[in-house]
């Protein structure tokens, strides 16, 4: 057998950018759909400022810094797209996003708004359509002050560029009088179970401009 010899030395630059382009090119030959998603996820990772990387494969980002230029939006959208569209290549095996060191209330807060954002962005509504938002105890695990400001924060969110193309009707179920403390009484409907088992609807005795003591001592139909 004749031994093959190389007449020149070929040097391949082993850098992140060369390896990235090689892997993306390889993926492109198999699945165009996965290729486009991989490009999006990679672009999202590259938007993360270098100061947050503790080493080459791990970035630690304080929650309060996530909105600094909203640099995680592209990555989060890519991961959501992967999770909901069922791509053949599971990118979660090599891109994992987790929250540590936060309270259950903070986790609930992030999850609620992320879910709402995804639901609106992927909806088939047309501009000026009315979206009905059904929120079941959205302030679960919230600090009381977060509960008190929830409806204000929600309405301000729905006026931002991401959501402003639609109209909204918001229906909230809650056991918290604090959550509805800024809502006029005529918009609060209390459901009460009668002894015979029927459900009746009563007007709320608390709401906007109610005395704090009245709010905290009202049973809010807890007996039912």
C-alpha atoms as a PDB file:
ATOM      1  CA  UNK A   1       0.000   0.000   0.000  1.00  0.00           C
ATOM      2  CA  UNK A   2       1.375   3.373  -0.970  1.00  0.00           C
ATOM      3  CA  UNK A   3       1.646   5.863   1.865  1.00  0.00           C
ATOM      4  CA  UNK A   4       0.092   9.243   1.150  1.00  0.00           C
ATOM      5  CA  UNK A   5       2.050  12.320   2.160  1.00  0.00           C
ATOM      6  CA  UNK A   6       0.910  15.921   2.322  1.00  0.00           C
ATOM      7  CA  UNK A   7       2.967  18.389   0.339  1.00  0.00           C
ATOM      8  CA  UNK A   8       1.879  21.331   2.496  1.00  0.00           C
ATOM      9  CA  UNK A   9       0.689  21.945   6.016  1.00  0.00           C
ATOM     10  CA  UNK A  10      -2.956  23.009   6.249  1.00  0.00           C
ATOM     11  CA  UNK A  11      -3.881  24.904   9.368  1.00  0.00           C
ATOM     12  CA  UNK A  12      -7.518  25.267  10.424  1.00  0.00           C
ATOM     13  CA  UNK A  13      -8.306  28.058  12.855  1.00  0.00           C
ATOM     14  CA  UNK A  14      -9.980  26.504  15.899  1.00  0.00           C
ATOM     15  CA  UNK A  15     -12.080  29.420  17.082  1.00  0.00           C
ATOM     16  CA  UNK A  16     -15.651  29.758  18.213  1.00  0.00           C
ATOM     17  CA  UNK A  17     -16.669  31.523  15.017  1.00  0.00           C
ATOM     18  CA  UNK A  18     -15.143  28.899  12.708  1.00  0.00           C
ATOM     19  CA  UNK A  19     -16.687  26.046  14.679  1.00  0.00           C
ATOM     20  CA  UNK A  20     -20.039  27.815  14.769  1.00  0.00           C
ATOM     21  CA  UNK A  21     -20.090  28.330  11.009  1.00  0.00           C
ATOM     22  CA  UNK A  22     -19.040  24.727  10.421  1.00  0.00           C
ATOM     23  CA  UNK A  23     -21.821  23.308  12.629  1.00  0.00           C
ATOM     24  CA  UNK A  24     -24.468  25.605  11.171  1.00  0.00           C
ATOM     25  CA  UNK A  25     -23.385  24.717   7.639  1.00  0.00           C
ATOM     26  CA  UNK A  26     -23.592  21.022   8.529  1.00  0.00           C
ATOM     27  CA  UNK A  27     -27.055  21.471  10.030  1.00  0.00           C
ATOM     28  CA  UNK A  28     -28.200  23.380   6.955  1.00  0.00           C
ATOM     29  CA  UNK A  29     -27.556  20.328   4.776  1.00  0.00           C
ATOM     30  CA  UNK A  30     -29.992  18.237   6.867  1.00  0.00           C
ATOM     31  CA  UNK A  31     -32.879  20.430   7.961  1.00  0.00           C
ATOM     32  CA  UNK A  32     -33.495  24.018   6.882  1.00  0.00           C
ATOM     33  CA  UNK A  33     -36.086  24.516   9.625  1.00  0.00           C
ATOM     34  CA  UNK A  34     -33.719  23.490  12.412  1.00  0.00           C
ATOM     35  CA  UNK A  35     -30.950  25.480  10.770  1.00  0.00           C
ATOM     36  CA  UNK A  36     -32.941  28.718  10.974  1.00  0.00           C
ATOM     37  CA  UNK A  37     -33.833  28.067  14.612  1.00  0.00           C
ATOM     38  CA  UNK A  38     -30.222  27.248  15.507  1.00  0.00           C
ATOM     39  CA  UNK A  39     -29.106  30.515  13.889  1.00  0.00           C
ATOM     40  CA  UNK A  40     -31.652  32.393  15.995  1.00  0.00           C
ATOM     41  CA  UNK A  41     -30.547  30.742  19.249  1.00  0.00           C
ATOM     42  CA  UNK A  42     -26.877  31.368  18.465  1.00  0.00           C
ATOM     43  CA  UNK A  43     -27.658  35.022  17.683  1.00  0.00           C
ATOM     44  CA  UNK A  44     -29.432  35.279  21.048  1.00  0.00           C
ATOM     45  CA  UNK A  45     -26.442  33.842  22.905  1.00  0.00           C
ATOM     46  CA  UNK A  46     -24.102  36.259  21.167  1.00  0.00           C
ATOM     47  CA  UNK A  47     -26.218  39.211  22.347  1.00  0.00           C
ATOM     48  CA  UNK A  48     -25.436  38.401  25.998  1.00  0.00           C
ATOM     49  CA  UNK A  49     -22.769  40.888  27.175  1.00  0.00           C
ATOM     50  CA  UNK A  50     -19.408  39.237  27.812  1.00  0.00           C
ATOM     51  CA  UNK A  51     -19.287  40.460  31.414  1.00  0.00           C
ATOM     52  CA  UNK A  52     -21.992  37.956  32.389  1.00  0.00           C
ATOM     53  CA  UNK A  53     -20.012  34.877  31.321  1.00  0.00           C
ATOM     54  CA  UNK A  54     -18.304  33.165  34.266  1.00  0.00           C
ATOM     55  CA  UNK A  55     -16.613  30.772  31.827  1.00  0.00           C
ATOM     56  CA  UNK A  56     -16.986  29.610  28.251  1.00  0.00           C
ATOM     57  CA  UNK A  57     -20.176  27.590  28.767  1.00  0.00           C
ATOM     58  CA  UNK A  58     -22.009  29.393  31.566  1.00  0.00           C
ATOM     59  CA  UNK A  59     -23.468  32.865  31.968  1.00  0.00           C
ATOM     60  CA  UNK A  60     -24.864  34.203  35.237  1.00  0.00           C
ATOM     61  CA  UNK A  61     -27.258  37.122  34.785  1.00  0.00           C
ATOM     62  CA  UNK A  62     -28.947  38.933  37.719  1.00  0.00           C
ATOM     63  CA  UNK A  63     -32.694  39.179  37.165  1.00  0.00           C
ATOM     64  CA  UNK A  64     -32.623  42.974  37.460  1.00  0.00           C
ATOM     65  CA  UNK A  65     -30.087  43.102  34.607  1.00  0.00           C
ATOM     66  CA  UNK A  66     -32.196  41.059  32.174  1.00  0.00           C
ATOM     67  CA  UNK A  67     -33.933  44.168  30.889  1.00  0.00           C
ATOM     68  CA  UNK A  68     -30.657  46.003  30.202  1.00  0.00           C
ATOM     69  CA  UNK A  69     -31.280  46.466  26.502  1.00  0.00           C
ATOM     70  CA  UNK A  70     -33.548  43.399  26.565  1.00  0.00           C
ATOM     71  CA  UNK A  71     -30.629  41.288  25.300  1.00  0.00           C
ATOM     72  CA  UNK A  72     -32.302  37.985  26.245  1.00  0.00           C
ATOM     73  CA  UNK A  73     -35.377  38.522  24.062  1.00  0.00           C
ATOM     74  CA  UNK A  74     -33.960  36.852  20.940  1.00  0.00           C
ATOM     75  CA  UNK A  75     -32.654  33.843  22.898  1.00  0.00           C
ATOM     76  CA  UNK A  76     -35.919  33.445  24.835  1.00  0.00           C
ATOM     77  CA  UNK A  77     -37.958  33.573  21.624  1.00  0.00           C
ATOM     78  CA  UNK A  78     -35.742  30.895  20.072  1.00  0.00           C
ATOM     79  CA  UNK A  79     -36.071  28.601  23.085  1.00  0.00           C
ATOM     80  CA  UNK A  80     -39.851  29.115  23.128  1.00  0.00           C
ATOM     81  CA  UNK A  81     -40.040  28.341  19.424  1.00  0.00           C
ATOM     82  CA  UNK A  82     -38.097  25.135  19.980  1.00  0.00           C
ATOM     83  CA  UNK A  83     -40.318  24.085  22.880  1.00  0.00           C
ATOM     84  CA  UNK A  84     -43.636  24.720  21.121  1.00  0.00           C
ATOM     85  CA  UNK A  85     -42.865  23.619  17.562  1.00  0.00           C
ATOM     86  CA  UNK A  86     -41.283  20.231  18.295  1.00  0.00           C
ATOM     87  CA  UNK A  87     -38.048  20.463  16.344  1.00  0.00           C
ATOM     88  CA  UNK A  88     -36.157  17.251  15.611  1.00  0.00           C
ATOM     89  CA  UNK A  89     -32.977  18.533  17.219  1.00  0.00           C
ATOM     90  CA  UNK A  90     -33.650  19.263  20.859  1.00  0.00           C
ATOM     91  CA  UNK A  91     -31.678  22.422  21.519  1.00  0.00           C
ATOM     92  CA  UNK A  92     -32.456  22.242  25.215  1.00  0.00           C
ATOM     93  CA  UNK A  93     -29.745  19.611  25.554  1.00  0.00           C
ATOM     94  CA  UNK A  94     -27.077  22.241  24.998  1.00  0.00           C
ATOM     95  CA  UNK A  95     -28.886  25.487  25.888  1.00  0.00           C
ATOM     96  CA  UNK A  96     -30.428  25.436  29.335  1.00  0.00           C
ATOM     97  CA  UNK A  97     -32.036  28.465  30.917  1.00  0.00           C
ATOM     98  CA  UNK A  98     -32.766  28.335  34.638  1.00  0.00           C
ATOM     99  CA  UNK A  99     -33.548  30.818  37.400  1.00  0.00           C
ATOM    100  CA  UNK A 100     -31.845  30.391  40.767  1.00  0.00           C
ATOM    101  CA  UNK A 101     -31.840  32.458  43.915  1.00  0.00           C
ATOM    102  CA  UNK A 102     -35.286  33.951  43.345  1.00  0.00           C
ATOM    103  CA  UNK A 103     -38.431  33.583  45.415  1.00  0.00           C
ATOM    104  CA  UNK A 104     -41.466  31.583  44.316  1.00  0.00           C
ATOM    105  CA  UNK A 105     -43.279  34.902  43.880  1.00  0.00           C
ATOM    106  CA  UNK A 106     -40.592  36.222  41.551  1.00  0.00           C
ATOM    107  CA  UNK A 107     -40.669  32.959  39.587  1.00  0.00           C
ATOM    108  CA  UNK A 108     -44.465  33.209  39.319  1.00  0.00           C
ATOM    109  CA  UNK A 109     -44.165  36.824  38.158  1.00  0.00           C
ATOM    110  CA  UNK A 110     -41.687  35.959  35.403  1.00  0.00           C
ATOM    111  CA  UNK A 111     -43.649  32.895  34.300  1.00  0.00           C
ATOM    112  CA  UNK A 112     -46.941  34.793  34.121  1.00  0.00           C
ATOM    113  CA  UNK A 113     -45.651  37.579  31.908  1.00  0.00           C
ATOM    114  CA  UNK A 114     -43.577  35.219  29.747  1.00  0.00           C
ATOM    115  CA  UNK A 115     -46.667  33.057  29.162  1.00  0.00           C
ATOM    116  CA  UNK A 116     -48.789  36.100  28.349  1.00  0.00           C
ATOM    117  CA  UNK A 117     -46.126  37.405  25.949  1.00  0.00           C
ATOM    118  CA  UNK A 118     -45.886  34.061  24.149  1.00  0.00           C
ATOM    119  CA  UNK A 119     -49.671  33.658  23.922  1.00  0.00           C
ATOM    120  CA  UNK A 120     -50.134  37.079  22.319  1.00  0.00           C
ATOM    121  CA  UNK A 121     -47.130  36.837  19.980  1.00  0.00           C
ATOM    122  CA  UNK A 122     -48.192  33.439  18.613  1.00  0.00           C
ATOM    123  CA  UNK A 123     -51.914  34.199  18.364  1.00  0.00           C
ATOM    124  CA  UNK A 124     -53.717  34.367  15.029  1.00  0.00           C
ATOM    125  CA  UNK A 125     -55.525  37.575  15.900  1.00  0.00           C
ATOM    126  CA  UNK A 126     -55.684  40.407  13.422  1.00  0.00           C
ATOM    127  CA  UNK A 127     -55.017  44.014  14.282  1.00  0.00           C
ATOM    128  CA  UNK A 128     -57.793  45.582  16.399  1.00  0.00           C
ATOM    129  CA  UNK A 129     -59.252  42.162  17.275  1.00  0.00           C
ATOM    130  CA  UNK A 130     -60.323  41.669  20.905  1.00  0.00           C
ATOM    131  CA  UNK A 131     -58.306  39.169  22.941  1.00  0.00           C
ATOM    132  CA  UNK A 132     -59.982  37.705  26.014  1.00  0.00           C
ATOM    133  CA  UNK A 133     -57.458  37.076  28.793  1.00  0.00           C
ATOM    134  CA  UNK A 134     -58.624  34.560  31.404  1.00  0.00           C
ATOM    135  CA  UNK A 135     -56.344  34.769  34.454  1.00  0.00           C
ATOM    136  CA  UNK A 136     -56.913  32.338  37.321  1.00  0.00           C
ATOM    137  CA  UNK A 137     -55.455  33.737  40.563  1.00  0.00           C
ATOM    138  CA  UNK A 138     -52.560  35.466  38.763  1.00  0.00           C
ATOM    139  CA  UNK A 139     -51.211  36.900  42.025  1.00  0.00           C
ATOM    140  CA  UNK A 140     -50.642  33.471  43.575  1.00  0.00           C
ATOM    141  CA  UNK A 141     -47.461  33.687  45.715  1.00  0.00           C
ATOM    142  CA  UNK A 142     -47.198  37.451  45.146  1.00  0.00           C
ATOM    143  CA  UNK A 143     -46.126  39.947  47.774  1.00  0.00           C
ATOM    144  CA  UNK A 144     -49.224  41.982  48.818  1.00  0.00           C
ATOM    145  CA  UNK A 145     -47.811  45.118  47.179  1.00  0.00           C
ATOM    146  CA  UNK A 146     -47.344  43.205  43.913  1.00  0.00           C
ATOM    147  CA  UNK A 147     -50.971  42.090  44.164  1.00  0.00           C
ATOM    148  CA  UNK A 148     -52.148  45.647  44.752  1.00  0.00           C
ATOM    149  CA  UNK A 149     -50.284  46.909  41.679  1.00  0.00           C
ATOM    150  CA  UNK A 150     -50.990  43.901  39.466  1.00  0.00           C
ATOM    151  CA  UNK A 151     -53.879  45.348  37.437  1.00  0.00           C
ATOM    152  CA  UNK A 152     -52.041  48.653  36.950  1.00  0.00           C
ATOM    153  CA  UNK A 153     -48.913  46.824  35.771  1.00  0.00           C
ATOM    154  CA  UNK A 154     -50.959  44.569  33.488  1.00  0.00           C
ATOM    155  CA  UNK A 155     -52.802  47.445  31.791  1.00  0.00           C
ATOM    156  CA  UNK A 156     -49.532  49.326  31.291  1.00  0.00           C
ATOM    157  CA  UNK A 157     -48.000  46.195  29.751  1.00  0.00           C
ATOM    158  CA  UNK A 158     -50.908  45.831  27.319  1.00  0.00           C
ATOM    159  CA  UNK A 159     -50.255  49.377  26.073  1.00  0.00           C
ATOM    160  CA  UNK A 160     -46.656  48.602  25.046  1.00  0.00           C
ATOM    161  CA  UNK A 161     -45.600  48.047  21.428  1.00  0.00           C
ATOM    162  CA  UNK A 162     -45.774  44.244  21.683  1.00  0.00           C
ATOM    163  CA  UNK A 163     -49.443  44.213  22.689  1.00  0.00           C
ATOM    164  CA  UNK A 164     -50.978  47.485  21.516  1.00  0.00           C
ATOM    165  CA  UNK A 165     -52.320  46.160  18.186  1.00  0.00           C
ATOM    166  CA  UNK A 166     -55.217  44.428  19.956  1.00  0.00           C
ATOM    167  CA  UNK A 167     -58.056  45.253  22.278  1.00  0.00           C
ATOM    168  CA  UNK A 168     -58.414  43.268  25.496  1.00  0.00           C
ATOM    169  CA  UNK A 169     -61.064  42.009  27.855  1.00  0.00           C
ATOM    170  CA  UNK A 170     -59.502  40.758  31.074  1.00  0.00           C
ATOM    171  CA  UNK A 171     -61.377  38.337  33.341  1.00  0.00           C
ATOM    172  CA  UNK A 172     -59.638  37.502  36.615  1.00  0.00           C
ATOM    173  CA  UNK A 173     -60.645  34.997  39.284  1.00  0.00           C
ATOM    174  CA  UNK A 174     -59.183  35.669  42.711  1.00  0.00           C
ATOM    175  CA  UNK A 175     -59.641  35.210  46.452  1.00  0.00           C
ATOM    176  CA  UNK A 176     -57.640  38.359  47.159  1.00  0.00           C
ATOM    177  CA  UNK A 177     -59.436  41.606  48.028  1.00  0.00           C
ATOM    178  CA  UNK A 178     -56.061  43.349  47.694  1.00  0.00           C
ATOM    179  CA  UNK A 179     -55.838  42.417  44.012  1.00  0.00           C
ATOM    180  CA  UNK A 180     -59.110  44.209  43.227  1.00  0.00           C
ATOM    181  CA  UNK A 181     -58.505  47.162  45.537  1.00  0.00           C
ATOM    182  CA  UNK A 182     -58.050  49.512  42.550  1.00  0.00           C
ATOM    183  CA  UNK A 183     -61.039  48.156  40.613  1.00  0.00           C
ATOM    184  CA  UNK A 184     -64.398  50.001  40.762  1.00  0.00           C
ATOM    185  CA  UNK A 185     -67.018  47.949  42.609  1.00  0.00           C
ATOM    186  CA  UNK A 186     -69.294  47.664  39.563  1.00  0.00           C
ATOM    187  CA  UNK A 187     -66.628  45.573  37.816  1.00  0.00           C
ATOM    188  CA  UNK A 188     -66.262  43.087  40.682  1.00  0.00           C
ATOM    189  CA  UNK A 189     -68.626  40.100  40.748  1.00  0.00           C
ATOM    190  CA  UNK A 190     -68.637  37.814  43.792  1.00  0.00           C
ATOM    191  CA  UNK A 191     -69.851  34.229  43.376  1.00  0.00           C
ATOM    192  CA  UNK A 192     -71.562  32.720  46.405  1.00  0.00           C
ATOM    193  CA  UNK A 193     -72.622  29.111  46.908  1.00  0.00           C
ATOM    194  CA  UNK A 194     -76.064  28.859  48.497  1.00  0.00           C
ATOM    195  CA  UNK A 195     -76.953  26.099  50.966  1.00  0.00           C
ATOM    196  CA  UNK A 196     -78.906  24.309  48.231  1.00  0.00           C
ATOM    197  CA  UNK A 197     -75.785  24.262  46.080  1.00  0.00           C
ATOM    198  CA  UNK A 198     -76.766  26.927  43.572  1.00  0.00           C
ATOM    199  CA  UNK A 199     -74.316  29.692  42.697  1.00  0.00           C
ATOM    200  CA  UNK A 200     -75.490  33.268  43.106  1.00  0.00           C
ATOM    201  CA  UNK A 201     -73.777  36.506  42.125  1.00  0.00           C
ATOM    202  CA  UNK A 202     -73.455  39.364  44.603  1.00  0.00           C
ATOM    203  CA  UNK A 203     -72.156  42.889  44.309  1.00  0.00           C
ATOM    204  CA  UNK A 204     -68.834  43.473  45.986  1.00  0.00           C
ATOM    205  CA  UNK A 205     -68.760  45.618  49.107  1.00  0.00           C
ATOM    206  CA  UNK A 206     -65.134  46.605  48.516  1.00  0.00           C
ATOM    207  CA  UNK A 207     -63.213  48.041  45.608  1.00  0.00           C
ATOM    208  CA  UNK A 208     -61.678  51.306  44.473  1.00  0.00           C
ATOM    209  CA  UNK A 209     -61.392  53.864  47.322  1.00  0.00           C
ATOM    210  CA  UNK A 210     -62.435  51.334  49.974  1.00  0.00           C
ATOM    211  CA  UNK A 211     -61.011  51.645  53.472  1.00  0.00           C
ATOM    212  CA  UNK A 212     -58.015  49.359  54.033  1.00  0.00           C
ATOM    213  CA  UNK A 213     -59.488  47.997  57.249  1.00  0.00           C
ATOM    214  CA  UNK A 214     -62.755  47.174  55.464  1.00  0.00           C
ATOM    215  CA  UNK A 215     -60.810  45.295  52.814  1.00  0.00           C
ATOM    216  CA  UNK A 216     -58.855  43.204  55.306  1.00  0.00           C
ATOM    217  CA  UNK A 217     -61.852  42.371  57.520  1.00  0.00           C
ATOM    218  CA  UNK A 218     -64.221  41.528  54.661  1.00  0.00           C
ATOM    219  CA  UNK A 219     -64.504  37.749  54.346  1.00  0.00           C
ATOM    220  CA  UNK A 220     -64.643  38.077  50.536  1.00  0.00           C
ATOM    221  CA  UNK A 221     -67.071  35.138  50.540  1.00  0.00           C
ATOM    222  CA  UNK A 222     -64.457  32.832  52.072  1.00  0.00           C
ATOM    223  CA  UNK A 223     -67.186  31.000  54.024  1.00  0.00           C
ATOM    224  CA  UNK A 224     -68.456  29.453  50.787  1.00  0.00           C
END
